[in-house]
Protein backbone atom coordinates (compact mmCIF):
# COMPACT_ATOMS: atom_id res chain seq x y z
CA UNK A 1 7.71 30.30 10.22
CA UNK A 2 6.36 28.41 7.20
CA UNK A 3 2.63 27.64 7.48
CA UNK A 4 0.97 24.61 5.93
CA UNK A 5 -2.69 23.94 6.59
CA UNK A 6 -3.80 20.42 5.75
CA UNK A 7 -7.18 18.90 4.93
CA UNK A 8 -8.20 15.25 5.12
CA UNK A 9 -10.63 13.58 2.75
CA UNK A 10 -11.82 10.48 4.58
CA UNK A 11 -11.16 11.20 8.26
CA UNK A 12 -12.28 7.78 9.49
CA UNK A 13 -10.28 4.55 9.28
CA UNK A 14 -6.93 5.16 7.61
CA UNK A 15 -7.58 8.90 7.96
CA UNK A 16 -6.06 8.60 11.42
CA UNK A 17 -2.69 8.58 9.63
CA UNK A 18 -2.98 12.34 9.10
CA UNK A 19 -2.69 12.92 12.85
CA UNK A 20 1.06 12.46 12.38
CA UNK A 21 1.13 15.71 10.39
CA UNK A 22 -0.54 17.87 13.05
CA UNK A 23 2.18 20.07 14.59
CA UNK A 24 4.92 17.87 13.12
CA UNK A 25 6.65 21.21 12.46
CA UNK A 26 5.71 24.70 13.70
CA UNK A 27 2.96 26.12 11.52
CA UNK A 28 1.84 22.74 10.16
CA UNK A 29 -1.58 21.61 11.33
CA UNK A 30 -4.78 19.86 10.33
CA UNK A 31 -7.32 22.51 9.40
CA UNK A 32 -10.21 20.69 7.71
CA UNK A 33 -11.84 17.32 7.23
CA UNK A 34 -14.37 15.74 4.90
CA UNK A 35 -16.27 12.50 5.34
CA UNK A 36 -19.75 11.15 4.66
CA UNK A 37 -19.98 9.71 8.19
CA UNK A 38 -21.12 12.38 10.65
CA UNK A 39 -19.71 10.55 13.68
CA UNK A 40 -16.20 10.57 12.21
CA UNK A 41 -16.52 14.24 11.31
CA UNK A 42 -17.73 15.23 14.75
CA UNK A 43 -14.78 13.54 16.45
CA UNK A 44 -12.33 15.03 13.97
CA UNK A 45 -13.74 18.54 14.32
CA UNK A 46 -13.56 18.43 18.11
CA UNK A 47 -10.04 17.03 18.15
CA UNK A 48 -8.58 19.63 15.80
CA UNK A 49 -11.07 22.48 16.27
CA UNK A 50 -11.41 22.87 12.53
CA UNK A 51 -13.73 23.06 9.54
CA UNK A 52 -15.62 19.88 8.61
CA UNK A 53 -17.94 18.97 5.76
CA UNK A 54 -19.73 16.01 4.21
CA UNK A 55 -18.73 17.24 0.74
CA UNK A 56 -15.03 16.98 -0.09
CA UNK A 57 -15.51 19.62 -2.80
CA UNK A 58 -16.20 22.22 -0.11
CA UNK A 59 -12.90 21.34 1.52
CA UNK A 60 -11.04 21.75 -1.76
CA UNK A 61 -12.57 25.21 -2.30
CA UNK A 62 -10.89 26.58 0.82
CA UNK A 63 -7.84 28.60 -0.30
CA UNK A 64 -6.06 28.30 3.04
CA UNK A 65 -5.77 24.53 2.64
CA UNK A 66 -2.44 23.85 0.93
CA UNK A 67 -2.25 20.06 1.14
CA UNK A 68 -4.72 17.20 1.35
CA UNK A 69 -4.60 13.62 2.60
CA UNK A 70 -6.76 11.30 0.47
CA UNK A 71 -7.50 8.35 2.77
CA UNK A 72 -10.84 7.23 1.39
CA UNK A 73 -11.68 3.69 0.18
CA UNK A 74 -9.66 2.57 -2.83
CA UNK A 75 -12.39 3.00 -5.42
CA UNK A 76 -12.59 6.73 -4.59
CA UNK A 77 -8.85 7.45 -4.85
CA UNK A 78 -8.93 8.43 -8.51
CA UNK A 79 -11.85 10.84 -8.15
CA UNK A 80 -10.56 12.50 -4.99
CA UNK A 81 -6.91 12.72 -6.04
CA UNK A 82 -7.71 14.23 -9.45
CA UNK A 83 -10.04 16.81 -7.89
CA UNK A 84 -7.47 17.77 -5.25
CA UNK A 85 -4.66 18.10 -7.81
CA UNK A 86 -6.89 20.21 -10.07
CA UNK A 87 -7.62 22.42 -7.06
CA UNK A 88 -3.90 23.07 -6.72
CA UNK A 89 -3.44 21.10 -3.52
CA UNK A 90 -0.41 18.98 -2.72
CA UNK A 91 -1.75 15.44 -2.33
CA UNK A 92 -0.83 12.59 -0.01
CA UNK A 93 -2.62 9.66 -1.67
CA UNK A 94 -2.97 6.48 0.33
CA UNK A 95 -2.01 3.32 -1.56
CA UNK A 96 -3.05 1.85 -3.89
CA UNK A 97 -2.95 4.84 -6.21
CA UNK A 98 -6.14 3.64 -7.93
CA UNK A 99 -7.90 0.37 -8.73
CA UNK A 100 -7.20 0.49 -12.47
CA UNK A 101 -4.14 1.21 -14.59
CA UNK A 102 -6.10 3.87 -16.45
CA UNK A 103 -6.99 5.53 -13.15
CA UNK A 104 -3.33 5.69 -12.14
CA UNK A 105 -2.35 7.21 -15.48
CA UNK A 106 -5.10 9.83 -15.18
CA UNK A 107 -3.83 10.83 -11.73
CA UNK A 108 -0.23 11.03 -12.96
CA UNK A 109 -1.17 13.14 -15.98
CA UNK A 110 -3.28 15.46 -13.86
CA UNK A 111 -0.37 16.00 -11.49
CA UNK A 112 1.92 16.72 -14.43
CA UNK A 113 -0.47 19.11 -16.14
CA UNK A 114 -1.34 21.04 -12.97
CA UNK A 115 2.13 21.03 -11.42
CA UNK A 116 0.57 20.00 -8.11
CA UNK A 117 2.70 17.78 -5.89
CA UNK A 118 1.71 14.11 -5.68
CA UNK A 119 2.95 11.70 -3.03
CA UNK A 120 1.72 8.09 -2.72
CA UNK A 121 1.78 6.45 0.71
CA UNK A 122 3.77 3.26 0.26
CA UNK A 123 4.84 3.29 3.88
CA UNK A 124 6.66 -0.05 3.79
CA UNK A 125 9.65 1.71 2.21
CA UNK A 126 10.00 3.33 5.63
CA UNK A 127 10.03 0.06 7.59
CA UNK A 128 13.47 -0.21 9.18
CA UNK A 129 13.67 -3.90 8.35
CA UNK A 130 12.98 -3.24 4.65
CA UNK A 131 15.46 -0.36 4.59
CA UNK A 132 18.14 -2.62 6.09
CA UNK A 133 17.48 -5.23 3.38
CA UNK A 134 17.74 -2.53 0.71
CA UNK A 135 21.01 -1.27 2.20
CA UNK A 136 22.54 -4.76 2.25
CA UNK A 137 21.42 -5.61 -1.28
CA UNK A 138 22.68 -2.30 -2.69
CA UNK A 139 26.04 -2.83 -0.97
CA UNK A 140 26.65 -5.86 -3.19
CA UNK A 141 26.77 -8.27 -0.25
CA UNK A 142 24.72 -10.90 -2.11
CA UNK A 143 26.06 -10.11 -5.58
CA UNK A 144 23.87 -9.37 -8.59
CA UNK A 145 20.20 -9.93 -7.78
CA UNK A 146 18.59 -12.65 -9.87
CA UNK A 147 15.46 -13.77 -7.96
CA UNK A 148 13.03 -12.62 -5.29
CA UNK A 149 9.85 -13.79 -3.65
CA UNK A 150 7.44 -12.95 -0.89
CA UNK A 151 5.19 -15.21 1.18
CA UNK A 152 2.41 -13.21 2.80
CA UNK A 153 0.44 -14.84 5.64
CA UNK A 154 -2.72 -12.87 6.57
CA UNK A 155 -4.44 -14.18 9.69
CA UNK A 156 -6.77 -11.17 9.79
CA UNK A 157 -7.98 -11.60 6.21
CA UNK A 158 -11.45 -12.78 7.17
CA UNK A 159 -11.89 -9.86 9.55
CA UNK A 160 -10.35 -7.10 7.46
CA UNK A 161 -11.16 -7.92 3.83
CA UNK A 162 -14.23 -10.14 3.73
CA UNK A 163 -16.53 -8.19 6.04
CA UNK A 164 -16.66 -4.83 4.25
CA UNK A 165 -16.34 -3.16 0.84
CA UNK A 166 -13.02 -4.90 0.09
CA UNK A 167 -14.84 -8.16 -0.68
CA UNK A 168 -16.55 -6.72 -3.77
CA UNK A 169 -14.19 -6.61 -6.76
CA UNK A 170 -15.90 -3.47 -8.04
CA UNK A 171 -14.34 -1.64 -5.10
CA UNK A 172 -10.83 -3.12 -5.17
CA UNK A 173 -10.30 -5.07 -8.42
CA UNK A 174 -8.85 -7.77 -6.14
CA UNK A 175 -6.48 -8.37 -3.25
CA UNK A 176 -3.51 -8.90 -5.55
CA UNK A 177 -3.95 -5.17 -6.06
CA UNK A 178 -5.40 -3.89 -2.80
CA UNK A 179 -3.30 -5.90 -0.35
CA UNK A 180 -0.31 -6.86 -2.50
CA UNK A 181 0.40 -3.31 -3.72
CA UNK A 182 2.68 -2.89 -0.69
CA UNK A 183 4.56 -6.11 -1.35
CA UNK A 184 4.89 -5.62 -5.08
CA UNK A 185 6.33 -2.16 -4.44
CA UNK A 186 8.80 -3.57 -1.89
CA UNK A 187 9.91 -6.32 -4.28
CA UNK A 188 10.39 -3.74 -7.06
CA UNK A 189 12.38 -1.50 -4.71
CA UNK A 190 14.60 -4.26 -3.37
CA UNK A 191 15.53 -5.60 -6.81
CA UNK A 192 15.79 -2.18 -8.44
CA UNK A 193 13.30 -2.72 -11.25
CA UNK A 194 9.61 -3.15 -12.04
CA UNK A 195 7.38 -5.86 -13.48
CA UNK A 196 6.88 -6.05 -17.24
CA UNK A 197 5.08 -9.41 -17.50
CA UNK A 198 2.99 -11.50 -15.10
CA UNK A 199 1.01 -14.71 -14.81
CA UNK A 200 -1.06 -15.68 -11.80
CA UNK A 201 -3.30 -18.31 -10.23
CA UNK A 202 -5.82 -17.95 -7.43
CA UNK A 203 -9.37 -18.65 -6.28
CA UNK A 204 -12.00 -17.95 -3.66
CA UNK A 205 -11.30 -21.16 -1.82
CA UNK A 206 -12.71 -20.69 1.70
CA UNK A 207 -14.84 -17.59 2.34
CA UNK A 208 -16.96 -18.15 -0.76
CA UNK A 209 -18.51 -21.22 0.85
CA UNK A 210 -19.52 -19.33 4.00
CA UNK A 211 -23.19 -18.31 3.84
CA UNK A 212 -23.19 -16.49 7.19
CA UNK A 213 -23.34 -13.04 5.63
CA UNK A 214 -24.95 -9.71 6.16
CA UNK A 215 -27.71 -8.61 3.80
CA UNK A 216 -27.47 -5.76 1.32
CA UNK A 217 -28.60 -2.64 3.15
CA UNK A 218 -27.47 -3.86 6.58
CA UNK A 219 -25.13 -1.67 8.62
CA UNK A 220 -21.55 -2.67 7.78
CA UNK A 221 -19.34 -2.35 10.87
CA UNK A 222 -15.69 -1.33 10.66
CA UNK A 223 -13.71 -4.52 10.09
CA UNK A 224 -11.46 -5.24 13.07
CA UNK A 225 -9.08 -8.05 13.93
CA UNK A 226 -10.49 -10.43 16.52
CA UNK A 227 -8.30 -13.35 17.66
CA UNK A 228 -11.42 -15.26 18.70
CA UNK A 229 -12.60 -15.50 15.09
CA UNK A 230 -11.04 -18.91 14.56
CA UNK A 231 -11.09 -21.18 12.64
CA UNK A 232 -11.60 -19.11 9.48
CA UNK A 233 -14.54 -21.14 8.16
CA UNK A 234 -16.51 -20.20 11.29
CA UNK A 235 -16.44 -16.46 10.52
CA UNK A 236 -19.79 -14.71 10.85
CA UNK A 237 -21.13 -11.45 9.48
CA UNK A 238 -19.32 -11.59 6.15
CA UNK A 239 -20.01 -9.04 3.42
CA UNK A 240 -23.04 -9.80 1.22
CA UNK A 241 -20.95 -9.81 -1.97
CA UNK A 242 -17.72 -11.81 -2.01
CA UNK A 243 -16.15 -12.24 -5.44
CA UNK A 244 -12.44 -11.73 -4.82
CA UNK A 245 -9.77 -14.38 -4.35
CA UNK A 246 -8.71 -15.38 -0.82
CA UNK A 247 -5.60 -17.24 -1.98
CA UNK A 248 -3.37 -16.32 -4.91
CA UNK A 249 0.12 -16.46 -6.36
CA UNK A 250 1.78 -14.47 -9.13
CA UNK A 251 4.93 -14.80 -11.22
CA UNK A 252 6.71 -11.59 -12.19
CA UNK A 253 9.35 -10.87 -14.80
CA UNK A 254 11.21 -7.61 -14.21
CA UNK A 255 12.57 -5.15 -16.74
CA UNK A 256 16.10 -5.97 -15.52
CA UNK A 257 15.56 -9.71 -15.93
CA UNK A 258 14.93 -10.57 -12.27
CA UNK A 259 12.34 -13.33 -11.73
CA UNK A 260 10.01 -12.92 -8.74
CA UNK A 261 7.03 -14.58 -7.11
CA UNK A 262 4.41 -13.43 -4.62
CA UNK A 263 2.00 -15.60 -2.62
CA UNK A 264 -0.90 -14.44 -0.47
CA UNK A 265 -3.26 -16.35 1.85
CA UNK A 266 -6.12 -14.79 3.82
CA UNK A 267 -6.82 -17.69 6.16
CA UNK A 268 -3.35 -18.38 7.56
CA UNK A 269 -3.07 -18.64 11.37
CA UNK A 270 -0.29 -16.03 11.58
CA UNK A 271 0.36 -12.62 10.04
CA UNK A 272 3.64 -11.52 8.49
CA UNK A 273 5.54 -11.14 5.25
CA UNK A 274 8.69 -13.06 4.39
CA UNK A 275 10.79 -11.52 1.61
CA UNK A 276 13.68 -13.46 0.10
CA UNK A 277 16.15 -12.03 -2.40
CA UNK A 278 18.81 -14.22 -4.04
CA UNK A 279 21.88 -12.92 -5.80
CA UNK A 280 24.96 -14.43 -7.40
CA UNK A 281 26.83 -14.43 -4.07
CA UNK A 282 24.19 -15.11 -1.44
CA UNK A 283 20.67 -14.53 -0.26
CA UNK A 284 18.85 -12.35 2.25
CA UNK A 285 15.50 -12.56 4.01
CA UNK A 286 13.56 -10.93 6.81
CA UNK A 287 12.15 -12.73 9.84
CA UNK A 288 9.04 -10.79 10.90
CA UNK A 289 8.08 -7.83 8.77
CA UNK A 290 8.02 -4.92 11.18
CA UNK A 291 10.80 -5.34 13.67
CA UNK A 292 12.52 -8.75 13.93
CA UNK A 293 15.75 -9.37 12.07
CA UNK A 294 17.41 -9.57 8.68
CA UNK A 295 19.45 -12.70 7.90
CA UNK A 296 22.13 -13.07 5.23
CA UNK A 297 23.49 -16.34 3.84
CA UNK A 298 26.73 -15.86 1.89
CA UNK A 299 28.65 -19.10 2.46
CA UNK A 300 28.06 -22.41 0.73
CA UNK A 301 26.44 -25.05 2.94
CA UNK A 302 25.06 -28.49 2.14
CA UNK A 303 21.92 -28.44 4.24
CA UNK A 304 19.73 -26.05 6.22
CA UNK A 305 21.62 -23.29 8.01
CA UNK A 306 18.67 -21.79 9.88
CA UNK A 307 20.86 -19.27 11.73
CA UNK A 308 22.34 -17.74 8.60
CA UNK A 309 25.86 -16.32 8.30
CA UNK A 310 25.13 -12.70 9.30
CA UNK A 311 22.21 -11.48 11.42
CA UNK A 312 21.02 -7.89 11.81
CA UNK A 313 18.59 -7.29 14.68
CA UNK A 314 16.08 -4.51 14.03
CA UNK A 315 15.12 -2.49 17.09
CA UNK A 316 11.42 -1.75 17.76
CA UNK A 317 10.21 1.74 16.85
CA UNK A 318 7.27 3.76 18.09
CA UNK A 319 4.36 4.73 15.89
CA UNK A 320 1.86 2.77 13.81
CA UNK A 321 3.06 0.30 11.18
CA UNK A 322 6.34 -0.28 13.02
CA UNK A 323 7.12 3.43 13.11
CA UNK A 324 6.71 3.88 9.34
CA UNK A 325 3.59 6.05 9.45
CA UNK A 326 5.16 8.99 11.33
CA UNK A 327 8.20 8.83 9.03
CA UNK A 328 6.25 8.80 5.79
CA UNK A 329 4.00 11.67 6.88
CA UNK A 330 7.00 13.76 7.91
CA UNK A 331 8.60 13.01 4.53
CA UNK A 332 5.44 14.19 2.76
CA UNK A 333 5.39 17.46 4.73
CA UNK A 334 9.08 18.08 4.01
CA UNK A 335 8.44 17.36 0.34
CA UNK A 336 5.59 19.87 0.22
CA UNK A 337 7.44 22.58 2.12
CA UNK A 338 10.96 22.16 0.78
CA UNK A 339 10.79 19.84 -2.23
CA UNK A 340 13.18 17.29 -0.74
CA UNK A 341 13.61 13.95 -2.57
CA UNK A 342 11.43 11.11 -1.29
CA UNK A 343 11.76 7.35 -0.88
CA UNK A 344 8.35 6.86 -2.41
CA UNK A 345 7.57 7.48 -6.07
CA UNK A 346 4.35 8.06 -8.03
CA UNK A 347 5.84 6.06 -10.90
CA UNK A 348 6.62 3.16 -8.56
CA UNK A 349 3.08 3.33 -7.18
CA UNK A 350 1.70 2.96 -10.70
CA UNK A 351 4.06 0.04 -11.40
CA UNK A 352 2.74 -1.72 -8.27
CA UNK A 353 -0.88 -1.21 -9.31
CA UNK A 354 -0.28 -2.29 -12.90
CA UNK A 355 1.35 -5.55 -11.78
CA UNK A 356 -1.52 -6.29 -9.39
CA UNK A 357 -4.18 -5.49 -11.97
CA UNK A 358 -2.50 -7.58 -14.66
CA UNK A 359 -2.07 -10.52 -12.28
CA UNK A 360 -5.74 -10.36 -11.32
CA UNK A 361 -6.71 -10.33 -14.99
CA UNK A 362 -4.47 -13.37 -15.51
CA UNK A 363 -6.23 -15.29 -12.73
CA UNK A 364 -9.65 -14.57 -14.19
CA UNK A 365 -8.63 -15.46 -17.73
CA UNK A 366 -7.26 -18.97 -17.33
CA UNK A 367 -3.91 -17.92 -15.83
CA UNK A 368 -2.76 -16.42 -19.12
CA UNK A 369 0.40 -14.26 -19.11
CA UNK A 370 -0.09 -10.51 -19.24
CA UNK A 371 2.26 -7.77 -20.45
CA UNK A 372 2.26 -4.58 -18.36
CA UNK A 373 1.27 -1.46 -20.32
CA UNK A 374 4.15 1.05 -20.17
CA UNK A 375 3.80 4.54 -18.74
CA UNK A 376 3.76 7.35 -21.31
CA UNK A 377 7.24 8.74 -21.96
CA UNK A 378 6.35 12.33 -21.06
CA UNK A 379 4.97 11.23 -17.68
CA UNK A 380 8.08 9.15 -16.95
CA UNK A 381 10.29 12.11 -17.86
CA UNK A 382 8.27 14.51 -15.69
CA UNK A 383 8.34 12.35 -12.55
CA UNK A 384 11.96 11.31 -13.04
CA UNK A 385 13.27 14.87 -12.68
C-alpha cells in the first residue's frame, strides 16, 4: 500500500475541497491542517483526528506530510506555495496561481528548482460539459477555430465578492483575474492556444455607489449567496473598501491567431457561463455551465435556429462544482503518487493569470492594449516535459 499524508493550508472556505482526498485511495488521508481561525481548525482537527496549527510553517516542518493543499485567500497563494515547494511538498494550489504575473513566475521557478510537484486547481477542465465541447472541437466538427467568447452572468457577485476581502484590489488585483481565471483558462483550452495581447474596459458601476458598508475592524462574515438579496443596489453589509470593477469586458488575441472576448457582470439576475466557439465549418456553445447541454450548429441557416443541428445532453454528476472537485482532487493524488499526465497545467494557469492581470491594467490605463509577458524558455521547457 502506498501512503500519502496530506496537509491543508487554509482549512476554512475552499479548504473543504481537500475532503475529497481523504481515503480517496487506501493509505491516502488528511493528516494536518493550518489556519488562523481557531474555529475552523477545531472542526478540522475533530473531523480528521489530526495535527492542527495556526502557523502553516509548523505544518510544513512535519516530515510525514508529503503533499499540501493551498486553499488560502488569493493574496497568500504565492507565499504559501513557494514555502511548501521549498519544503519538498507536492502542492495542490487553488486558482488563481497568484495575483501578479511575477508571483506566478516565482512559483513556477521554485517548482522547477526544487523538483517539487505543482498542480493548479483549474477544476473547470473537469466539467463534463466543457470536456464535451473540447472533444467536439478537437474532432474537427466545426472546422478550424477562428473565434471564441464567453458571457459570464454572476447573480451572487454582491454576496460573494463585495462583502469580503475580494473587494479590495490589493487582495485580488481585480475580478478579471480572480473570477475570470477559470473562464480564461477554459477559452485557452478550447481554442488550443493562449493570449498574447489584450485590451479591456470596465468600471465599478453599481456597488461603488452603495454606502451601506461595514467599518474597518468590524467582523467580516463568510460571504454566502442569499436569494433574498435583491435587487443588487439594496445590498447591505458591503466590505469597507471597494475598488474593483463589477462589470468588465476584455478582448484577447491568441498566439494561434484566434480572436476571443470575455464579459463579466456581478449584478445579473442569473448565474451561468455561456461559451461560444466558432470555426470555419460551424459553431458550438454550452447551455448552462455545469450540466445542461452542448449545441452544435453546422448547417447554413438564414435566421435563428435556436435548437441547433446537433444536441448533446450532459447528465448530472455528484460532487461539488458539478462533480469536478472530486475528479480534480483524484487527478492530483494520482499525479503525486504515480506521475500520471494531468488535464491541468501550471503553464496554462500562468497564462490565465497573465491575461487577467494585463486586462485589468488595460482597464485602469484608459483601455490601452497590453502585450502579455512571455514565460522564460527554461520554465516552459521544464513544464512541457
